[in-house]
Amino acid sequence: MQFAADTADIDVYMARSAGALSALPERRPVDLDWLIGRWRAALQAAEVALQAGSHDLPAAELRELTRRLSDERAATLHLLEGLAGDRNSKYLLVRLVASSWDAKRLLGVPTDVKALVFNLNGVLIGSAAIHAEAWRETFDEFIARRIERTGGSFAPFNPRVDYPQHIHARPRLDGVREFLASRGISLPEGTPGDAPGTETVFGLANRKNEALLRRIDAHGLSAFEGARLYLEIAQDAGVRCAVVSASANTETMLERAGLTSLIDESVDGNTMRAEQLRRKPAPDTLLAACRLLGVTPQQTAVFETTPDGVRAGRAGGFEFVVGVDSLGGAALLRAEGADVVVADLGEILSRRLAA
């Protein structure tokens, strides 16, 4: 039987993987989200093959193959449990055993929710720092030239102050305008084709984009632990997912973080500019995501990291608003009306498993 051959192949793969994992250097990072997802795909393929052949197989052979698959699943759990236990990540293993019904329950959202909309930065990936450094490089270079040419005094870009006040959640061109205004500087708009670094709004925006992409190429971009798993479980449950971000590089960041196949739609800085969508706390971007997904806000849960994001969810009439707080602002998110506040998406899975 083809299934028996497939199962034998999986047995060999399991043995090889066990040896490979045991031989890994202690300090080599292991992407558990990815590893568990691949094992789940292999086990599901074997289960589907078994179900497909169940009407043709002799009863004794069917029982034997079912037992072998069960043993294989248990062996896989045991193998991965050591990795997960070392990182307090045992909740990740649920993906190996969750059924479609379990998947919907594990998401921690109302049962009638049909779609999820995520703020990209801070919920799925941690890109704020790399964005802030790209902005710092761009503006410090510009400020240095301006001081040298005019003899004036201008404060350099401060990532801790200027990024949240003038840049965060704004499309790139708006970020340039806001920062320059904070320093009393006015530049011509220029055109989208301005060379990076040209002293126009578009020129500085293009310079920032260049700096950002160079950093992503050099350092890569990773999803938060638990984020990919959460999206995979949503996919298992048949719940559609979208991301919202003011960055025009949203698609690139999703691709580099390995999340593209798990996101159905996105609303990014390009969309905001083309459709003249207001930034949060206006609900425009979240409502645009619903339109793309073909759902109503009353069928959708949103995941936001800031008070403005939570306000946008409430203003848009969304059924369920999750505050994701990794910086100690949980009280503010609750005060704005978040239905639940968690540190990350993995915490939702942990809570549901403990319930």
Protein backbone atom coordinates (compact mmCIF):
# COMPACT_ATOMS: atom_id res chain seq x y z
CA MET A 1 0.00 0.00 0.00
CA GLN A 2 1.16 3.52 -0.76
CA PHE A 3 0.14 4.56 2.75
CA ALA A 4 2.41 1.92 4.27
CA ALA A 5 5.28 3.17 2.13
CA ASP A 6 4.53 6.76 3.11
CA THR A 7 4.43 5.78 6.76
CA ALA A 8 7.72 3.93 6.46
CA ASP A 9 9.24 7.03 4.87
CA ILE A 10 7.97 9.12 7.78
CA ASP A 11 9.50 6.61 10.21
CA VAL A 12 12.87 7.03 8.52
CA TYR A 13 12.47 10.81 8.52
CA MET A 14 11.59 10.70 12.21
CA ALA A 15 14.71 8.71 13.04
CA ARG A 16 16.92 10.99 10.99
CA SER A 17 15.33 14.10 12.48
CA ALA A 18 15.79 12.75 16.01
CA GLY A 19 19.48 12.23 15.32
CA ALA A 20 19.83 15.62 13.69
CA LEU A 21 18.09 17.40 16.54
CA SER A 22 20.19 15.64 19.18
CA ALA A 23 23.32 16.65 17.30
CA LEU A 24 22.43 20.34 17.15
CA PRO A 25 24.80 22.66 19.03
CA GLU A 26 23.21 23.84 22.27
CA ARG A 27 23.15 27.46 21.24
CA ARG A 28 21.73 26.97 17.76
CA PRO A 29 18.23 28.49 17.68
CA VAL A 30 15.38 26.26 16.58
CA ASP A 31 12.27 27.78 15.01
CA LEU A 32 9.64 25.75 16.84
CA ASP A 33 6.72 27.32 15.00
CA TRP A 34 8.17 26.20 11.68
CA LEU A 35 9.30 22.78 12.91
CA ILE A 36 5.95 21.94 14.48
CA GLY A 37 4.08 23.16 11.44
CA ARG A 38 6.07 20.85 9.18
CA TRP A 39 5.52 17.86 11.43
CA ARG A 40 1.80 18.57 11.58
CA ALA A 41 1.64 18.68 7.78
CA ALA A 42 3.39 15.29 7.57
CA LEU A 43 1.14 13.70 10.18
CA GLN A 44 -2.00 15.14 8.59
CA ALA A 45 -0.94 13.80 5.19
CA ALA A 46 -0.54 10.34 6.70
CA GLU A 47 -3.93 10.61 8.40
CA VAL A 48 -5.65 11.67 5.18
CA ALA A 49 -4.03 8.78 3.32
CA LEU A 50 -5.21 6.37 6.01
CA GLN A 51 -8.77 7.67 5.84
CA ALA A 52 -8.76 7.45 2.05
CA GLY A 53 -7.77 3.79 2.20
CA SER A 54 -9.98 2.81 5.12
CA HIS A 55 -12.69 1.26 2.92
CA ASP A 56 -10.26 -0.93 1.01
CA LEU A 57 -7.87 -2.07 3.72
CA PRO A 58 -8.45 -5.29 5.66
CA ALA A 59 -9.58 -4.54 9.21
CA ALA A 60 -6.41 -5.94 10.77
CA GLU A 61 -4.16 -3.88 8.53
CA LEU A 62 -6.22 -0.75 9.18
CA ARG A 63 -5.87 -1.24 12.94
CA GLU A 64 -2.12 -1.77 12.60
CA LEU A 65 -1.61 1.36 10.49
CA THR A 66 -3.78 3.39 12.85
CA ARG A 67 -1.70 2.18 15.79
CA ARG A 68 1.54 3.03 13.99
CA LEU A 69 0.32 6.52 13.19
CA SER A 70 -0.73 7.06 16.81
CA ASP A 71 2.68 5.84 18.00
CA GLU A 72 4.36 8.10 15.50
CA ARG A 73 2.43 11.12 16.73
CA ALA A 74 3.35 10.31 20.33
CA ALA A 75 7.02 9.85 19.40
CA THR A 76 7.03 13.20 17.61
CA LEU A 77 5.51 14.92 20.63
CA HIS A 78 8.14 13.35 22.87
CA LEU A 79 10.94 14.41 20.55
CA LEU A 80 9.79 18.02 20.34
CA GLU A 81 8.76 18.32 23.98
CA GLY A 82 12.39 18.57 25.08
CA LEU A 83 12.95 21.54 22.78
CA ALA A 84 9.72 23.23 23.81
CA GLY A 85 10.27 22.60 27.52
CA ASP A 86 13.64 24.32 27.47
CA ARG A 87 11.98 27.49 26.20
CA ASN A 88 8.75 27.34 28.20
CA SER A 89 6.95 26.80 24.90
CA LYS A 90 5.09 23.54 25.37
CA TYR A 91 1.86 25.22 24.30
CA LEU A 92 3.27 25.20 20.76
CA LEU A 93 2.90 21.44 20.63
CA VAL A 94 -0.88 21.72 20.57
CA ARG A 95 -0.71 22.10 16.79
CA LEU A 96 0.29 18.45 16.50
CA VAL A 97 -2.92 17.19 18.07
CA ALA A 98 -5.58 19.89 17.58
CA SER A 99 -8.62 19.05 15.45
CA SER A 100 -10.42 21.71 13.37
CA TRP A 101 -12.94 22.16 16.20
CA ASP A 102 -10.09 22.51 18.72
CA ALA A 103 -8.43 25.04 16.43
CA LYS A 104 -11.38 27.44 16.54
CA ARG A 105 -11.60 27.13 20.32
CA LEU A 106 -7.86 27.74 20.76
CA LEU A 107 -8.04 31.11 19.01
CA GLY A 108 -9.76 32.57 22.07
CA VAL A 109 -12.29 34.61 20.07
CA PRO A 110 -16.11 34.34 19.95
CA THR A 111 -17.32 31.29 18.07
CA ASP A 112 -19.11 33.34 15.41
CA VAL A 113 -15.97 35.24 14.39
CA LYS A 114 -15.14 34.58 10.73
CA ALA A 115 -12.04 36.73 10.30
CA LEU A 116 -9.06 38.17 12.17
CA VAL A 117 -7.31 41.47 11.47
CA PHE A 118 -3.83 41.97 12.92
CA ASN A 119 -1.71 45.05 13.33
CA LEU A 120 1.53 43.84 11.76
CA ASN A 121 4.16 45.44 13.96
CA GLY A 122 4.01 44.38 17.59
CA VAL A 123 1.51 41.57 17.02
CA LEU A 124 3.06 39.37 14.33
CA ILE A 125 6.57 40.78 13.98
CA GLY A 126 8.76 43.21 15.91
CA SER A 127 9.73 45.64 13.17
CA ALA A 128 9.56 48.93 15.10
CA ALA A 129 13.24 48.85 16.04
CA ILE A 130 14.44 48.25 12.50
CA HIS A 131 12.12 50.97 11.19
CA ALA A 132 13.36 53.41 13.86
CA GLU A 133 17.00 52.74 12.96
CA ALA A 134 16.30 53.30 9.27
CA TRP A 135 14.63 56.61 10.13
CA ARG A 136 17.54 57.58 12.40
CA GLU A 137 20.06 56.95 9.64
CA THR A 138 18.00 58.95 7.16
CA PHE A 139 17.32 61.99 9.33
CA ASP A 140 20.74 62.16 10.99
CA GLU A 141 22.37 62.20 7.57
CA PHE A 142 20.01 64.97 6.46
CA ILE A 143 20.39 67.00 9.67
CA ALA A 144 24.20 66.78 9.52
CA ARG A 145 24.22 68.15 5.98
CA ARG A 146 21.83 70.94 6.92
CA ILE A 147 23.89 72.01 9.94
CA GLU A 148 27.06 72.01 7.84
CA ARG A 149 25.43 74.10 5.13
CA THR A 150 23.46 76.58 7.26
CA GLY A 151 25.29 76.63 10.57
CA GLY A 152 21.94 76.15 12.30
CA SER A 153 21.22 73.99 15.33
CA PHE A 154 18.92 71.01 14.87
CA ALA A 155 18.39 68.11 17.27
CA PRO A 156 19.14 64.69 15.75
CA PHE A 157 16.49 62.01 15.45
CA ASN A 158 15.74 60.37 18.81
CA PRO A 159 14.22 56.89 18.28
CA ARG A 160 12.66 56.81 21.76
CA VAL A 161 10.96 60.20 21.41
CA ASP A 162 10.60 61.02 17.73
CA TYR A 163 9.56 57.57 16.48
CA PRO A 164 6.42 57.22 18.66
CA GLN A 165 5.51 60.92 18.39
CA HIS A 166 6.07 61.60 14.71
CA ILE A 167 6.52 58.30 12.83
CA HIS A 168 4.70 55.32 14.31
CA ALA A 169 1.55 54.19 12.42
CA ARG A 170 1.98 56.94 9.81
CA PRO A 171 2.62 56.36 6.11
CA ARG A 172 6.22 57.11 5.19
CA LEU A 173 5.59 60.51 3.57
CA ASP A 174 3.56 61.68 6.56
CA GLY A 175 6.37 60.59 8.85
CA VAL A 176 8.85 62.74 6.93
CA ARG A 177 6.55 65.75 7.08
CA GLU A 178 5.84 65.33 10.81
CA PHE A 179 9.50 65.02 11.77
CA LEU A 180 10.61 67.98 9.65
CA ALA A 181 7.83 70.12 11.15
CA SER A 182 9.04 69.20 14.65
CA ARG A 183 12.43 70.72 13.73
CA GLY A 184 10.95 73.76 12.01
CA ILE A 185 12.09 72.58 8.59
CA SER A 186 10.08 72.76 5.39
CA LEU A 187 11.05 70.96 2.18
CA PRO A 188 9.41 70.75 -1.24
CA GLU A 189 7.35 67.64 -1.85
CA GLY A 190 9.34 66.49 -4.86
CA THR A 191 8.21 63.46 -6.88
CA PRO A 192 8.10 59.69 -6.28
CA GLY A 193 11.12 59.30 -8.59
CA ASP A 194 13.43 61.51 -6.49
CA ALA A 195 16.77 59.85 -5.78
CA PRO A 196 17.17 58.60 -2.18
CA GLY A 197 18.52 61.42 -0.03
CA THR A 198 17.31 64.25 -2.27
CA GLU A 199 16.21 67.10 0.00
CA THR A 200 12.53 66.70 -0.73
CA VAL A 201 9.81 64.84 1.16
CA PHE A 202 9.89 62.06 -1.41
CA GLY A 203 13.69 62.01 -1.48
CA LEU A 204 13.95 61.45 2.29
CA ALA A 205 11.14 58.89 2.21
CA ASN A 206 12.99 56.99 -0.52
CA ARG A 207 16.21 57.18 1.50
CA LYS A 208 14.43 55.67 4.51
CA ASN A 209 13.03 52.89 2.37
CA GLU A 210 16.50 52.11 1.04
CA ALA A 211 17.92 51.99 4.57
CA LEU A 212 15.10 49.73 5.78
CA LEU A 213 15.45 47.19 2.97
CA ARG A 214 19.22 47.07 3.46
CA ARG A 215 18.73 46.26 7.14
CA ILE A 216 16.16 43.58 6.39
CA ASP A 217 18.54 42.01 3.87
CA ALA A 218 21.40 42.09 6.39
CA HIS A 219 19.59 40.97 9.52
CA GLY A 220 16.42 39.25 8.34
CA LEU A 221 13.05 39.46 10.03
CA SER A 222 11.38 36.93 12.30
CA ALA A 223 7.82 36.41 13.43
CA PHE A 224 7.19 36.47 17.17
CA GLU A 225 7.19 33.03 18.74
CA GLY A 226 3.63 31.80 18.69
CA ALA A 227 2.54 34.20 15.93
CA ARG A 228 3.04 31.78 13.04
CA LEU A 229 1.45 29.00 15.08
CA TYR A 230 -1.59 31.18 15.85
CA LEU A 231 -2.02 32.00 12.15
CA GLU A 232 -1.68 28.32 11.21
CA ILE A 233 -4.34 27.37 13.75
CA ALA A 234 -6.61 30.09 12.31
CA GLN A 235 -6.03 28.56 8.88
CA ASP A 236 -6.93 25.12 10.27
CA ALA A 237 -10.14 26.60 11.67
CA GLY A 238 -11.11 28.18 8.34
CA VAL A 239 -10.82 31.73 9.72
CA ARG A 240 -9.50 34.29 7.22
CA CYS A 241 -6.71 36.66 8.26
CA ALA A 242 -5.58 40.15 7.23
CA VAL A 243 -2.84 42.52 8.36
CA VAL A 244 -2.91 46.28 8.64
CA SER A 245 0.25 48.39 8.58
CA ALA A 246 1.25 51.90 7.61
CA SER A 247 4.42 50.50 6.04
CA ALA A 248 4.64 50.33 2.26
CA ASN A 249 6.93 47.32 2.74
CA THR A 250 4.30 45.14 4.39
CA GLU A 251 4.44 42.41 1.72
CA THR A 252 8.24 42.26 1.92
CA MET A 253 8.17 41.96 5.71
CA LEU A 254 5.54 39.22 5.62
CA GLU A 255 7.64 37.31 3.09
CA ARG A 256 10.87 37.66 5.08
CA ALA A 257 9.11 36.55 8.26
CA GLY A 258 7.64 33.51 6.49
CA LEU A 259 4.01 34.57 6.97
CA THR A 260 2.86 35.31 3.42
CA SER A 261 0.99 32.04 2.91
CA LEU A 262 -0.93 32.55 6.16
CA ILE A 263 -2.27 36.04 5.37
CA ASP A 264 -5.22 36.40 3.00
CA GLU A 265 -5.26 40.18 2.60
CA SER A 266 -3.27 43.25 3.64
CA VAL A 267 -3.87 46.97 3.98
CA ASP A 268 -0.57 48.85 3.87
CA GLY A 269 0.83 52.33 3.37
CA ASN A 270 0.24 52.11 -0.37
CA THR A 271 -3.42 51.27 0.23
CA MET A 272 -3.76 54.11 2.71
CA ARG A 273 -2.40 56.60 0.22
CA ALA A 274 -4.37 55.28 -2.78
CA GLU A 275 -7.69 55.14 -0.90
CA GLN A 276 -7.01 58.18 1.32
CA LEU A 277 -7.54 56.13 4.47
CA ARG A 278 -7.13 57.95 7.75
CA ARG A 279 -4.72 56.50 10.29
CA LYS A 280 -5.88 55.17 13.65
CA PRO A 281 -7.78 55.99 15.86
CA ALA A 282 -10.00 56.32 12.77
CA PRO A 283 -11.18 52.81 11.84
CA ASP A 284 -10.57 53.26 8.10
CA THR A 285 -7.76 50.72 7.67
CA LEU A 286 -9.53 48.06 9.74
CA LEU A 287 -12.75 48.54 7.78
CA ALA A 288 -10.79 48.33 4.53
CA ALA A 289 -9.40 44.97 5.69
CA CYS A 290 -12.96 43.73 6.30
CA ARG A 291 -13.99 44.75 2.79
CA LEU A 292 -11.09 42.80 1.31
CA LEU A 293 -11.94 39.75 3.43
CA GLY A 294 -15.64 39.96 2.57
CA VAL A 295 -16.79 40.12 6.20
CA THR A 296 -18.48 42.66 8.46
CA PRO A 297 -16.84 44.17 11.56
CA GLN A 298 -19.44 42.30 13.62
CA GLN A 299 -17.89 39.04 12.35
CA THR A 300 -14.30 40.10 12.97
CA ALA A 301 -11.76 40.23 15.81
CA VAL A 302 -8.93 42.77 15.71
CA PHE A 303 -5.52 42.62 17.40
CA GLU A 304 -3.96 45.98 18.29
CA THR A 305 -0.93 47.19 20.25
CA THR A 306 -1.78 50.83 21.00
CA PRO A 307 -4.61 52.79 22.60
CA ASP A 308 -5.28 54.38 19.18
CA GLY A 309 -5.58 50.90 17.68
CA VAL A 310 -8.06 49.76 20.33
CA ARG A 311 -10.07 52.96 19.84
CA ALA A 312 -10.14 52.27 16.11
CA GLY A 313 -11.51 48.78 16.76
CA ARG A 314 -14.25 50.13 19.00
CA ALA A 315 -15.09 52.99 16.60
CA GLY A 316 -15.42 50.48 13.76
CA GLY A 317 -17.91 48.33 15.67
CA PHE A 318 -15.74 45.21 15.72
CA GLU A 319 -17.08 42.28 17.69
CA PHE A 320 -13.90 41.54 19.65
CA VAL A 321 -10.79 43.65 20.30
CA VAL A 322 -7.60 42.07 21.61
CA GLY A 323 -4.91 44.30 23.10
CA VAL A 324 -1.40 42.93 22.60
CA ASP A 325 0.91 44.54 25.14
CA SER A 326 4.61 43.84 25.31
CA LEU A 327 5.66 47.21 26.74
CA GLY A 328 3.70 47.52 29.99
CA GLY A 329 0.72 49.48 28.71
CA ALA A 330 -1.98 46.92 29.52
CA ALA A 331 -3.98 49.34 31.70
CA LEU A 332 -4.25 51.86 28.84
CA LEU A 333 -5.42 49.18 26.42
CA ARG A 334 -8.08 48.02 28.87
CA ALA A 335 -9.16 51.59 29.54
CA GLU A 336 -9.78 52.10 25.81
CA GLY A 337 -12.05 49.06 25.70
CA ALA A 338 -9.94 46.01 24.82
CA ASP A 339 -11.94 42.85 25.56
CA VAL A 340 -8.77 41.04 26.58
CA VAL A 341 -5.11 42.01 26.92
CA VAL A 342 -2.22 39.58 26.37
CA ALA A 343 1.54 39.85 26.04
CA ASP A 344 1.58 37.93 22.74
CA LEU A 345 -0.49 35.53 20.67
CA GLY A 346 1.14 32.56 22.35
CA GLU A 347 -0.42 33.63 25.64
CA ILE A 348 -3.87 33.19 24.10
CA LEU A 349 -3.03 29.59 23.23
CA SER A 350 -1.65 28.98 26.72
CA ARG A 351 -4.79 30.37 28.33
CA ARG A 352 -7.08 28.26 26.17
CA LEU A 353 -5.12 25.12 26.87
CA ALA A 354 -5.34 25.76 30.61
CA ALA A 355 -9.09 26.47 30.49
